[in-house]
C-alpha atoms as a PDB file:
ATOM      1  CA  UNK A   1      86.935 154.644  58.456  1.00  0.00           C
ATOM      2  CA  UNK A   2      85.216 155.365  61.725  1.00  0.00           C
ATOM      3  CA  UNK A   3      82.481 152.858  60.874  1.00  0.00           C
ATOM      4  CA  UNK A   4      85.063 150.168  60.084  1.00  0.00           C
ATOM      5  CA  UNK A   5      86.779 150.761  63.409  1.00  0.00           C
ATOM      6  CA  UNK A   6      83.422 150.535  65.214  1.00  0.00           C
ATOM      7  CA  UNK A   7      82.617 147.251  63.471  1.00  0.00           C
ATOM      8  CA  UNK A   8      86.079 145.866  64.301  1.00  0.00           C
ATOM      9  CA  UNK A   9      85.745 146.944  67.936  1.00  0.00           C
ATOM     10  CA  UNK A  10      82.263 145.440  68.088  1.00  0.00           C
ATOM     11  CA  UNK A  11      83.540 142.174  66.594  1.00  0.00           C
ATOM     12  CA  UNK A  12      86.385 142.059  69.124  1.00  0.00           C
ATOM     13  CA  UNK A  13      83.939 142.808  71.962  1.00  0.00           C
ATOM     14  CA  UNK A  14      81.601 140.048  70.761  1.00  0.00           C
ATOM     15  CA  UNK A  15      84.496 137.545  70.595  1.00  0.00           C
ATOM     16  CA  UNK A  16      85.656 138.614  74.041  1.00  0.00           C
ATOM     17  CA  UNK A  17      82.118 138.222  75.410  1.00  0.00           C
ATOM     18  CA  UNK A  18      81.834 134.768  73.805  1.00  0.00           C
ATOM     19  CA  UNK A  19      85.191 133.751  75.315  1.00  0.00           C
ATOM     20  CA  UNK A  20      84.175 135.166  78.704  1.00  0.00           C
ATOM     21  CA  UNK A  21      80.921 133.181  78.548  1.00  0.00           C
ATOM     22  CA  UNK A  22      82.817 130.022  77.552  1.00  0.00           C
ATOM     23  CA  UNK A  23      85.325 130.547  80.353  1.00  0.00           C
ATOM     24  CA  UNK A  24      82.514 131.165  82.838  1.00  0.00           C
ATOM     25  CA  UNK A  25      80.839 127.886  81.790  1.00  0.00           C
ATOM     26  CA  UNK A  26      84.196 126.118  82.105  1.00  0.00           C
ATOM     27  CA  UNK A  27      84.674 127.567  85.611  1.00  0.00           C
ATOM     28  CA  UNK A  28      81.170 126.435  86.599  1.00  0.00           C
ATOM     29  CA  UNK A  29      81.899 122.952  85.247  1.00  0.00           C
ATOM     30  CA  UNK A  30      85.154 122.822  87.214  1.00  0.00           C
ATOM     31  CA  UNK A  31      83.398 124.056  90.369  1.00  0.00           C
ATOM     32  CA  UNK A  32      80.766 121.330  90.016  1.00  0.00           C
ATOM     33  CA  UNK A  33      83.490 118.705  89.497  1.00  0.00           C
ATOM     34  CA  UNK A  34      85.335 120.011  92.561  1.00  0.00           C
ATOM     35  CA  UNK A  35      82.159 119.855  94.641  1.00  0.00           C
ATOM     36  CA  UNK A  36      81.573 116.249  93.484  1.00  0.00           C
ATOM     37  CA  UNK A  37      85.194 115.345  94.276  1.00  0.00           C
ATOM     38  CA  UNK A  38      84.931 116.908  97.751  1.00  0.00           C
ATOM     39  CA  UNK A  39      81.709 114.979  98.368  1.00  0.00           C
ATOM     40  CA  UNK A  40      83.373 111.746  97.226  1.00  0.00           C
ATOM     41  CA  UNK A  41      86.394 112.485  99.429  1.00  0.00           C
ATOM     42  CA  UNK A  42      84.092 112.984 102.410  1.00  0.00           C
ATOM     43  CA  UNK A  43      82.301 109.689 101.712  1.00  0.00           C
ATOM     44  CA  UNK A  44      85.582 107.818 101.277  1.00  0.00           C
ATOM     45  CA  UNK A  45      87.021 109.358 104.447  1.00  0.00           C
ATOM     46  CA  UNK A  46      83.988 108.235 106.445  1.00  0.00           C
ATOM     47  CA  UNK A  47      84.147 104.786 104.858  1.00  0.00           C
ATOM     48  CA  UNK A  48      87.862 104.581 105.654  1.00  0.00           C
ATOM     49  CA  UNK A  49      87.218 105.505 109.294  1.00  0.00           C
ATOM     50  CA  UNK A  50      84.462 102.893 109.497  1.00  0.00           C
ATOM     51  CA  UNK A  51      86.700 100.197 108.013  1.00  0.00           C
ATOM     52  CA  UNK A  52      89.518 101.115 110.401  1.00  0.00           C
ATOM     53  CA  UNK A  53      87.106 100.807 113.332  1.00  0.00           C
ATOM     54  CA  UNK A  54      85.917  97.411 112.089  1.00  0.00           C
ATOM     55  CA  UNK A  55      89.526  96.284 111.697  1.00  0.00           C
ATOM     56  CA  UNK A  56      90.359  97.459 115.221  1.00  0.00           C
ATOM     57  CA  UNK A  57      87.339  95.606 116.617  1.00  0.00           C
ATOM     58  CA  UNK A  58      88.297  92.497 114.650  1.00  0.00           C
ATOM     59  CA  UNK A  59      91.854  92.620 115.986  1.00  0.00           C
ATOM     60  CA  UNK A  60      90.584  93.071 119.549  1.00  0.00           C
ATOM     61  CA  UNK A  61      88.237  90.148 119.081  1.00  0.00           C
ATOM     62  CA  UNK A  62      91.042  88.002 117.693  1.00  0.00           C
ATOM     63  CA  UNK A  63      93.300  88.981 120.599  1.00  0.00           C
ATOM     64  CA  UNK A  64      90.553  88.142 123.095  1.00  0.00           C
ATOM     65  CA  UNK A  65      90.022  84.758 121.450  1.00  0.00           C
ATOM     66  CA  UNK A  66      93.761  84.041 121.563  1.00  0.00           C
ATOM     67  CA  UNK A  67      93.891  84.989 125.249  1.00  0.00           C
ATOM     68  CA  UNK A  68      90.916  82.759 126.010  1.00  0.00           C
ATOM     69  CA  UNK A  69      92.634  79.883 124.212  1.00  0.00           C
ATOM     70  CA  UNK A  70      95.853  80.549 126.142  1.00  0.00           C
ATOM     71  CA  UNK A  71      93.988  80.660 129.459  1.00  0.00           C
ATOM     72  CA  UNK A  72      92.264  77.396 128.582  1.00  0.00           C
ATOM     73  CA  UNK A  73      95.640  75.844 127.722  1.00  0.00           C
ATOM     74  CA  UNK A  74      97.203  77.049 131.003  1.00  0.00           C
ATOM     75  CA  UNK A  75      94.202  75.737 132.926  1.00  0.00           C
ATOM     76  CA  UNK A  76      94.572  72.329 131.308  1.00  0.00           C
ATOM     77  CA  UNK A  77      98.314  72.206 132.078  1.00  0.00           C
ATOM     78  CA  UNK A  78      97.720  73.213 135.710  1.00  0.00           C
ATOM     79  CA  UNK A  79      94.959  70.615 136.094  1.00  0.00           C
ATOM     80  CA  UNK A  80      97.224  67.968 134.535  1.00  0.00           C
ATOM     81  CA  UNK A  81     100.032  68.881 136.919  1.00  0.00           C
ATOM     82  CA  UNK A  82      97.779  68.949 139.971  1.00  0.00           C
ATOM     83  CA  UNK A  83      96.137  65.621 139.181  1.00  0.00           C
ATOM     84  CA  UNK A  84      99.376  63.833 138.293  1.00  0.00           C
ATOM     85  CA  UNK A  85     101.995  65.741 140.306  1.00  0.00           C
ATOM     86  CA  UNK A  86     104.236  64.770 137.386  1.00  0.00           C
ATOM     87  CA  UNK A  87     107.431  66.883 137.423  1.00  0.00           C
ATOM     88  CA  UNK A  88     107.775  66.537 133.628  1.00  0.00           C
ATOM     89  CA  UNK A  89     104.753  68.855 133.315  1.00  0.00           C
ATOM     90  CA  UNK A  90     106.638  71.671 135.112  1.00  0.00           C
ATOM     91  CA  UNK A  91     108.590  72.894 132.023  1.00  0.00           C
ATOM     92  CA  UNK A  92     105.341  73.067 130.040  1.00  0.00           C
ATOM     93  CA  UNK A  93     103.686  74.935 132.890  1.00  0.00           C
ATOM     94  CA  UNK A  94     106.691  77.252 133.116  1.00  0.00           C
ATOM     95  CA  UNK A  95     106.441  78.038 129.422  1.00  0.00           C
ATOM     96  CA  UNK A  96     102.681  78.607 129.569  1.00  0.00           C
ATOM     97  CA  UNK A  97     103.052  80.944 132.557  1.00  0.00           C
ATOM     98  CA  UNK A  98     106.193  82.619 131.161  1.00  0.00           C
ATOM     99  CA  UNK A  99     108.135  81.692 134.306  1.00  0.00           C
ATOM    100  CA  UNK A 100     111.744  82.802 134.526  1.00  0.00           C
ATOM    101  CA  UNK A 101     114.383  80.097 134.997  1.00  0.00           C
ATOM    102  CA  UNK A 102     114.705  81.209 138.630  1.00  0.00           C
ATOM    103  CA  UNK A 103     110.949  80.894 139.180  1.00  0.00           C
ATOM    104  CA  UNK A 104     110.912  77.437 137.606  1.00  0.00           C
ATOM    105  CA  UNK A 105     113.859  76.332 139.769  1.00  0.00           C
ATOM    106  CA  UNK A 106     112.049  77.567 142.892  1.00  0.00           C
ATOM    107  CA  UNK A 107     108.925  75.584 141.943  1.00  0.00           C
ATOM    108  CA  UNK A 108     110.980  72.473 141.246  1.00  0.00           C
ATOM    109  CA  UNK A 109     112.807  72.792 144.597  1.00  0.00           C
ATOM    110  CA  UNK A 110     109.489  73.291 146.367  1.00  0.00           C
ATOM    111  CA  UNK A 111     107.933  70.265 144.696  1.00  0.00           C
ATOM    112  CA  UNK A 112     111.021  68.163 145.455  1.00  0.00           C
ATOM    113  CA  UNK A 113     110.795  69.113 149.132  1.00  0.00           C
ATOM    114  CA  UNK A 114     107.074  68.238 149.214  1.00  0.00           C
ATOM    115  CA  UNK A 115     107.684  64.855 147.592  1.00  0.00           C
ATOM    116  CA  UNK A 116     110.344  64.043 150.162  1.00  0.00           C
ATOM    117  CA  UNK A 117     108.159  65.099 153.083  1.00  0.00           C
ATOM    118  CA  UNK A 118     104.968  63.369 151.942  1.00  0.00           C
ATOM    119  CA  UNK A 119     101.461  64.548 152.623  1.00  0.00           C
ATOM    120  CA  UNK A 120     101.559  64.265 156.377  1.00  0.00           C
ATOM    121  CA  UNK A 121     105.101  65.501 157.007  1.00  0.00           C
END
């Protein structure tokens, strides 16, 4: 009887050791997968930061280009007004310069006074 109990205990111990070994291998596999996932997360985080920086630079560049175009447009309107002294250009100039209605009225009054006075008073 004692021998049978020893064999049964030994069999249980061997199964437990085999399960422990299998679990240990499974833990090692999971640890390796976790390490790979953390590495991938790090790479993706850096790539995401790089893409965000490129997007920010692209938006700044686009904004600069739009401002340059707007400045060019305002310049052309001002030149047109100065060369023609045409009062119909004033609303366009007011829009381009974001003038308030009061500012535009002041400019129109000033231009009306200059036209009445002439160049030499």
